[in-house]
Amino acid sequence: MIRRPPRSTLFPYTTLFRSPRLSQAKLKLVETYEKAVSVFSEAEIKKKTLDDASKQNSLDTTLAILQTAAAQSEEESESVADKFLDGGLDVETFLDEFQSKRKIAHLRRIKVDKMTELLNASNRSTGTPTANNLNWGYYDNQQQQQQMPTMRMAQGSNYGHRM
């Protein structure tokens, strides 16, 4: 014969799982967890937006610094040329200094142009308006005028003919 444990040992166990407080606490825990998940996802979206904005600003700032450095390099090479024309430098010194400074100026100018091109391309793809990628309507109007005759022909309109 199998003996059953006394009721006094099962009582706390069965009462705990049947109590309404436990079920209410479970529901509250589930609600709090869902709220935490939604707040976390909102925070991630806002963080991504902020990172994208700060990244764009830092690229624009980097471009401005690079443009300034390119302009300074060009000024330095022009000052070397002016010194040579005034007779302050001999030919060998002039060639060494001018070539090195002009090379730096050209490399920086190429970098500025490439970075500007990349920023404009990324701004056009994301639709972020900046002063560099605004076309002020000229390109749109020109493109529309070029497409108008082909659009009319594609629609099959008869100029002056009645059907």
Protein backbone atom coordinates (compact mmCIF):
# COMPACT_ATOMS: atom_id res chain seq x y z
CA MET A 1 0.00 0.00 0.00
CA ILE A 2 1.23 3.42 -1.00
CA ARG A 3 1.26 5.98 1.67
CA ARG A 4 0.23 9.45 0.93
CA PRO A 5 2.15 12.38 2.48
CA PRO A 6 0.36 14.28 5.18
CA ARG A 7 -1.72 17.23 4.06
CA SER A 8 0.29 19.68 6.10
CA THR A 9 3.32 19.24 3.78
CA LEU A 10 1.31 19.82 0.55
CA PHE A 11 -0.69 22.75 1.81
CA PRO A 12 1.86 25.58 1.27
CA TYR A 13 2.76 24.25 -2.18
CA THR A 14 -0.80 24.01 -3.48
CA THR A 15 -1.88 27.31 -1.96
CA LEU A 16 1.03 29.17 -3.51
CA PHE A 17 0.16 28.10 -7.04
CA ARG A 18 -3.53 28.65 -6.58
CA SER A 19 -3.23 32.11 -5.11
CA PRO A 20 -4.52 35.08 -7.16
CA ARG A 21 -1.56 37.18 -6.07
CA LEU A 22 0.80 34.97 -8.03
CA SER A 23 -1.26 35.14 -11.22
CA GLN A 24 -1.54 38.93 -10.90
CA ALA A 25 2.20 39.24 -10.39
CA LYS A 26 2.81 37.08 -13.49
CA LEU A 27 0.56 39.31 -15.58
CA LYS A 28 2.26 42.43 -14.27
CA LEU A 29 5.67 40.92 -15.06
CA VAL A 30 4.60 40.14 -18.63
CA GLU A 31 3.24 43.68 -19.11
CA THR A 32 6.41 45.23 -17.70
CA TYR A 33 8.58 43.05 -19.93
CA GLU A 34 6.60 44.03 -23.06
CA LYS A 35 6.84 47.69 -22.10
CA ALA A 36 10.60 47.35 -21.58
CA VAL A 37 11.01 45.71 -24.99
CA SER A 38 9.07 48.50 -26.72
CA VAL A 39 11.03 51.23 -24.90
CA PHE A 40 14.28 49.49 -25.82
CA SER A 41 13.33 49.31 -29.51
CA GLU A 42 12.33 52.99 -29.51
CA ALA A 43 15.64 53.91 -27.89
CA GLU A 44 17.54 51.91 -30.53
CA ILE A 45 15.70 53.70 -33.34
CA LYS A 46 16.43 57.11 -31.82
CA LYS A 47 20.07 56.17 -31.24
CA LYS A 48 20.44 55.12 -34.86
CA THR A 49 18.88 58.39 -36.04
CA LEU A 50 21.21 60.36 -33.79
CA ASP A 51 24.26 58.41 -34.98
CA ASP A 52 23.33 59.02 -38.62
CA ALA A 53 22.88 62.74 -37.98
CA SER A 54 26.15 63.06 -36.07
CA LYS A 55 27.94 61.03 -38.74
CA GLN A 56 26.65 63.39 -41.43
CA ASN A 57 27.71 66.44 -39.45
CA SER A 58 31.14 65.04 -38.82
CA LEU A 59 31.59 64.30 -42.53
CA ASP A 60 30.58 67.85 -43.42
CA THR A 61 33.00 69.17 -40.81
CA THR A 62 35.77 66.96 -42.14
CA LEU A 63 35.08 68.22 -45.64
CA ALA A 64 35.30 71.85 -44.48
CA ILE A 65 38.61 71.19 -42.72
CA LEU A 66 39.97 69.42 -45.81
CA GLN A 67 38.89 72.32 -48.03
CA THR A 68 40.68 74.76 -45.74
CA ALA A 69 43.84 72.65 -45.77
CA ALA A 70 43.71 72.47 -49.57
CA ALA A 71 43.40 76.24 -49.83
CA GLN A 72 46.32 76.71 -47.43
CA SER A 73 48.47 74.32 -49.48
CA GLU A 74 47.72 76.26 -52.64
CA GLU A 75 48.61 79.53 -50.91
CA GLU A 76 51.91 78.06 -49.70
CA SER A 77 52.83 76.93 -53.20
CA GLU A 78 51.93 80.37 -54.57
CA SER A 79 54.10 82.04 -51.94
CA VAL A 80 57.04 79.82 -52.97
CA ALA A 81 56.45 80.86 -56.60
CA ASP A 82 56.33 84.54 -55.59
CA LYS A 83 59.62 84.19 -53.67
CA PHE A 84 61.22 82.64 -56.74
CA LEU A 85 59.92 85.41 -59.01
CA ASP A 86 61.23 88.05 -56.60
CA GLY A 87 64.67 86.40 -56.74
CA GLY A 88 64.63 85.06 -53.19
CA LEU A 89 65.11 81.41 -54.19
CA ASP A 90 67.46 79.67 -56.56
CA VAL A 91 66.09 77.28 -59.19
CA GLU A 92 66.93 74.01 -57.39
CA THR A 93 65.35 75.11 -54.11
CA PHE A 94 62.32 76.47 -55.93
CA LEU A 95 61.76 73.23 -57.85
CA ASP A 96 62.07 71.08 -54.73
CA GLU A 97 59.76 73.22 -52.59
CA PHE A 98 57.26 74.10 -55.29
CA GLN A 99 56.83 70.51 -56.50
CA SER A 100 56.33 69.13 -53.00
CA LYS A 101 53.85 71.86 -52.00
CA ARG A 102 51.99 71.69 -55.30
CA LYS A 103 51.76 67.90 -55.05
CA ILE A 104 50.19 68.22 -51.59
CA ALA A 105 47.80 70.90 -52.86
CA HIS A 106 46.70 68.73 -55.80
CA LEU A 107 46.24 65.63 -53.63
CA ARG A 108 44.13 67.59 -51.17
CA ARG A 109 42.06 69.10 -53.98
CA ILE A 110 41.39 65.61 -55.37
CA LYS A 111 40.36 64.41 -51.93
CA VAL A 112 38.03 67.41 -51.52
CA ASP A 113 36.42 66.76 -54.89
CA LYS A 114 35.98 63.05 -54.21
CA MET A 115 34.58 63.60 -50.73
CA THR A 116 32.17 66.24 -52.05
CA GLU A 117 31.03 63.81 -54.74
CA LEU A 118 30.49 61.03 -52.21
CA LEU A 119 28.60 63.29 -49.80
CA ASN A 120 26.37 64.56 -52.58
CA ALA A 121 25.66 61.03 -53.74
CA SER A 122 24.79 59.88 -50.23
CA ASN A 123 22.62 62.96 -49.65
CA ARG A 124 20.73 62.37 -52.88
CA SER A 125 20.13 58.74 -51.99
CA THR A 126 18.89 59.57 -48.48
CA GLY A 127 17.01 62.67 -49.59
CA THR A 128 18.71 64.93 -47.06
CA PRO A 129 18.73 68.45 -48.50
CA THR A 130 21.96 70.39 -48.15
CA ALA A 131 23.29 73.45 -49.92
CA ASN A 132 25.49 71.28 -52.12
CA ASN A 133 22.77 69.03 -53.50
CA LEU A 134 20.01 71.56 -54.05
CA ASN A 135 19.44 72.01 -57.76
CA TRP A 136 16.97 74.91 -57.44
CA GLY A 137 14.65 73.35 -60.00
CA TYR A 138 16.83 73.87 -63.07
CA TYR A 139 17.70 70.23 -63.59
CA ASP A 140 14.16 69.08 -62.89
CA ASN A 141 12.69 71.51 -65.44
CA GLN A 142 15.32 70.64 -68.03
CA GLN A 143 14.74 66.93 -67.52
CA GLN A 144 10.97 67.38 -67.75
CA GLN A 145 11.29 69.36 -70.99
CA GLN A 146 13.44 66.63 -72.50
CA GLN A 147 10.95 63.96 -71.50
CA MET A 148 7.81 65.79 -72.64
CA PRO A 149 8.02 64.98 -76.39
CA THR A 150 8.81 61.33 -75.72
CA MET A 151 5.98 61.12 -73.19
CA ARG A 152 3.51 62.56 -75.70
CA MET A 153 4.66 60.12 -78.34
CA ALA A 154 4.43 57.24 -75.91
CA GLN A 155 0.87 58.25 -75.02
CA GLY A 156 -0.02 58.20 -78.70
CA SER A 157 -1.45 61.70 -78.91
CA ASN A 158 -2.26 62.92 -82.38
CA TYR A 159 -1.30 66.54 -82.86
CA GLY A 160 -4.14 68.24 -84.70
CA HIS A 161 -5.85 65.05 -85.80
CA ARG A 162 -9.28 64.13 -84.54
CA MET A 163 -10.32 60.61 -83.99
